[in-house]
């Protein structure tokens, strides 16, 4: 069981509830029809990919969680899809920081052995 102390609620534009619909647009071309939607979808992809780098590069004991994604075996779509599915299965975290929850999702999906 992974225990993590999350800060009090994240700001409205930093939480999972705000980013989840924009990130879903990455997996659907219909969601990127307008400029604002495309911008937020691109920003979401950048945050997820940066989080993947950070959570993999973390040294044991450096972060409260780590992930070990298989080398070159996970596409961007798979990464986004896995993270979003985990977020949707954990609605109690919708008000929490998007990047922290993204890293939690990756640690759950790809634990280090």
C-alpha atoms as a PDB file:
ATOM      1  CA  UNK A   1       0.000   0.000   0.000  1.00  0.00           C
ATOM      2  CA  UNK A   2       1.358   3.381  -1.012  1.00  0.00           C
ATOM      3  CA  UNK A   3       0.861   6.223   1.422  1.00  0.00           C
ATOM      4  CA  UNK A   4       1.486   9.780   0.355  1.00  0.00           C
ATOM      5  CA  UNK A   5       0.711  13.014   2.060  1.00  0.00           C
ATOM      6  CA  UNK A   6      -0.840  15.276  -0.552  1.00  0.00           C
ATOM      7  CA  UNK A   7      -1.026  19.022   0.025  1.00  0.00           C
ATOM      8  CA  UNK A   8      -4.437  20.520   0.782  1.00  0.00           C
ATOM      9  CA  UNK A   9      -6.488  20.964  -2.390  1.00  0.00           C
ATOM     10  CA  UNK A  10      -4.577  22.013  -5.515  1.00  0.00           C
ATOM     11  CA  UNK A  11      -5.475  25.282  -7.250  1.00  0.00           C
ATOM     12  CA  UNK A  12      -8.393  24.896  -9.671  1.00  0.00           C
ATOM     13  CA  UNK A  13      -6.156  24.897 -12.746  1.00  0.00           C
ATOM     14  CA  UNK A  14      -3.590  22.538 -11.199  1.00  0.00           C
ATOM     15  CA  UNK A  15      -5.914  19.722 -10.190  1.00  0.00           C
ATOM     16  CA  UNK A  16      -6.949  16.503 -11.891  1.00  0.00           C
ATOM     17  CA  UNK A  17     -10.552  17.667 -12.341  1.00  0.00           C
ATOM     18  CA  UNK A  18      -9.387  20.578 -14.517  1.00  0.00           C
ATOM     19  CA  UNK A  19      -6.903  18.590 -16.630  1.00  0.00           C
ATOM     20  CA  UNK A  20      -8.768  15.299 -17.129  1.00  0.00           C
ATOM     21  CA  UNK A  21     -11.044  16.509 -19.972  1.00  0.00           C
ATOM     22  CA  UNK A  22      -8.158  18.266 -21.730  1.00  0.00           C
ATOM     23  CA  UNK A  23      -6.035  15.143 -21.508  1.00  0.00           C
ATOM     24  CA  UNK A  24      -8.856  13.014 -22.869  1.00  0.00           C
ATOM     25  CA  UNK A  25      -8.784  15.258 -25.942  1.00  0.00           C
ATOM     26  CA  UNK A  26      -5.340  13.816 -26.722  1.00  0.00           C
ATOM     27  CA  UNK A  27      -6.956  10.473 -27.422  1.00  0.00           C
ATOM     28  CA  UNK A  28      -9.730  11.966 -29.578  1.00  0.00           C
ATOM     29  CA  UNK A  29      -9.197  14.218 -32.588  1.00  0.00           C
ATOM     30  CA  UNK A  30     -12.643  15.754 -32.032  1.00  0.00           C
ATOM     31  CA  UNK A  31     -11.469  17.265 -28.748  1.00  0.00           C
ATOM     32  CA  UNK A  32      -8.707  19.257 -30.426  1.00  0.00           C
ATOM     33  CA  UNK A  33     -10.925  21.160 -32.860  1.00  0.00           C
ATOM     34  CA  UNK A  34     -10.521  24.536 -31.183  1.00  0.00           C
ATOM     35  CA  UNK A  35      -7.236  26.287 -30.407  1.00  0.00           C
ATOM     36  CA  UNK A  36      -7.781  26.440 -26.667  1.00  0.00           C
ATOM     37  CA  UNK A  37      -8.577  22.719 -26.542  1.00  0.00           C
ATOM     38  CA  UNK A  38      -5.519  21.866 -28.624  1.00  0.00           C
ATOM     39  CA  UNK A  39      -3.319  24.064 -26.436  1.00  0.00           C
ATOM     40  CA  UNK A  40      -4.473  22.428 -23.208  1.00  0.00           C
ATOM     41  CA  UNK A  41      -4.217  18.945 -24.744  1.00  0.00           C
ATOM     42  CA  UNK A  42      -0.616  19.674 -25.739  1.00  0.00           C
ATOM     43  CA  UNK A  43       0.140  21.059 -22.299  1.00  0.00           C
ATOM     44  CA  UNK A  44      -1.308  17.900 -20.750  1.00  0.00           C
ATOM     45  CA  UNK A  45       0.916  15.679 -22.897  1.00  0.00           C
ATOM     46  CA  UNK A  46       3.950  17.719 -21.880  1.00  0.00           C
ATOM     47  CA  UNK A  47       3.119  17.393 -18.183  1.00  0.00           C
ATOM     48  CA  UNK A  48       2.559  13.641 -18.444  1.00  0.00           C
ATOM     49  CA  UNK A  49       5.780  13.049 -20.400  1.00  0.00           C
ATOM     50  CA  UNK A  50       7.806  15.266 -18.042  1.00  0.00           C
ATOM     51  CA  UNK A  51       6.304  13.434 -15.065  1.00  0.00           C
ATOM     52  CA  UNK A  52       7.321  10.111 -16.645  1.00  0.00           C
ATOM     53  CA  UNK A  53      10.895  11.342 -16.920  1.00  0.00           C
ATOM     54  CA  UNK A  54      10.971  12.594 -13.321  1.00  0.00           C
ATOM     55  CA  UNK A  55       9.351   9.534 -11.740  1.00  0.00           C
ATOM     56  CA  UNK A  56      11.758   7.213 -13.589  1.00  0.00           C
ATOM     57  CA  UNK A  57      14.836   9.290 -12.816  1.00  0.00           C
ATOM     58  CA  UNK A  58      14.066   9.512  -9.104  1.00  0.00           C
ATOM     59  CA  UNK A  59      16.535   7.747  -6.891  1.00  0.00           C
ATOM     60  CA  UNK A  60      15.229   5.342  -4.272  1.00  0.00           C
ATOM     61  CA  UNK A  61      14.290   7.439  -1.260  1.00  0.00           C
ATOM     62  CA  UNK A  62      14.212  10.652  -3.321  1.00  0.00           C
ATOM     63  CA  UNK A  63      10.477  10.609  -4.020  1.00  0.00           C
ATOM     64  CA  UNK A  64       7.799   8.740  -2.103  1.00  0.00           C
ATOM     65  CA  UNK A  65       7.184   6.708  -5.284  1.00  0.00           C
ATOM     66  CA  UNK A  66       9.013   5.569  -8.431  1.00  0.00           C
ATOM     67  CA  UNK A  67       7.991   4.036 -11.731  1.00  0.00           C
ATOM     68  CA  UNK A  68       9.957   1.800 -14.068  1.00  0.00           C
ATOM     69  CA  UNK A  69       8.441   2.082 -17.526  1.00  0.00           C
ATOM     70  CA  UNK A  70       9.733  -0.460 -20.056  1.00  0.00           C
ATOM     71  CA  UNK A  71      12.391   1.031 -22.344  1.00  0.00           C
ATOM     72  CA  UNK A  72      10.868   2.338 -25.581  1.00  0.00           C
ATOM     73  CA  UNK A  73       7.854   0.062 -25.144  1.00  0.00           C
ATOM     74  CA  UNK A  74       5.244   2.650 -24.148  1.00  0.00           C
ATOM     75  CA  UNK A  75       3.844   5.061 -26.735  1.00  0.00           C
ATOM     76  CA  UNK A  76       2.584   8.520 -25.823  1.00  0.00           C
ATOM     77  CA  UNK A  77      -1.004   7.359 -26.357  1.00  0.00           C
ATOM     78  CA  UNK A  78      -0.462   4.347 -24.076  1.00  0.00           C
ATOM     79  CA  UNK A  79       1.111   6.571 -21.440  1.00  0.00           C
ATOM     80  CA  UNK A  80      -1.769   9.069 -21.518  1.00  0.00           C
ATOM     81  CA  UNK A  81      -4.411   6.338 -21.632  1.00  0.00           C
ATOM     82  CA  UNK A  82      -2.915   4.468 -18.666  1.00  0.00           C
ATOM     83  CA  UNK A  83      -2.638   7.620 -16.562  1.00  0.00           C
ATOM     84  CA  UNK A  84      -6.186   8.771 -17.372  1.00  0.00           C
ATOM     85  CA  UNK A  85      -7.694   5.352 -16.662  1.00  0.00           C
ATOM     86  CA  UNK A  86      -5.987   5.298 -13.262  1.00  0.00           C
ATOM     87  CA  UNK A  87      -7.227   8.828 -12.500  1.00  0.00           C
ATOM     88  CA  UNK A  88     -10.794   7.888 -13.406  1.00  0.00           C
ATOM     89  CA  UNK A  89     -10.603   4.847 -11.105  1.00  0.00           C
ATOM     90  CA  UNK A  90      -9.501   7.153  -8.264  1.00  0.00           C
ATOM     91  CA  UNK A  91     -12.070   9.993  -8.289  1.00  0.00           C
ATOM     92  CA  UNK A  92     -11.206  10.833  -4.685  1.00  0.00           C
ATOM     93  CA  UNK A  93      -8.039  12.468  -6.096  1.00  0.00           C
ATOM     94  CA  UNK A  94      -9.797  14.834  -8.540  1.00  0.00           C
ATOM     95  CA  UNK A  95      -9.004  17.863  -6.380  1.00  0.00           C
ATOM     96  CA  UNK A  96      -5.334  16.962  -5.984  1.00  0.00           C
ATOM     97  CA  UNK A  97      -2.299  18.196  -7.916  1.00  0.00           C
ATOM     98  CA  UNK A  98      -2.300  16.796 -11.468  1.00  0.00           C
ATOM     99  CA  UNK A  99       1.439  16.093 -11.643  1.00  0.00           C
ATOM    100  CA  UNK A 100       1.546  14.309  -8.278  1.00  0.00           C
ATOM    101  CA  UNK A 101      -1.439  12.148  -9.241  1.00  0.00           C
ATOM    102  CA  UNK A 102       0.139  11.478 -12.654  1.00  0.00           C
ATOM    103  CA  UNK A 103       3.250  10.138 -10.931  1.00  0.00           C
ATOM    104  CA  UNK A 104       1.116   8.030  -8.581  1.00  0.00           C
ATOM    105  CA  UNK A 105      -0.663   6.546 -11.606  1.00  0.00           C
ATOM    106  CA  UNK A 106       2.641   5.659 -13.256  1.00  0.00           C
ATOM    107  CA  UNK A 107       4.018   4.127 -10.059  1.00  0.00           C
ATOM    108  CA  UNK A 108       0.885   1.973  -9.812  1.00  0.00           C
ATOM    109  CA  UNK A 109       0.990   0.933 -13.479  1.00  0.00           C
ATOM    110  CA  UNK A 110       4.740   0.348 -13.742  1.00  0.00           C
ATOM    111  CA  UNK A 111       6.131  -0.412 -10.278  1.00  0.00           C
ATOM    112  CA  UNK A 112       9.869  -0.911  -9.922  1.00  0.00           C
ATOM    113  CA  UNK A 113      10.800  -4.466  -8.972  1.00  0.00           C
END
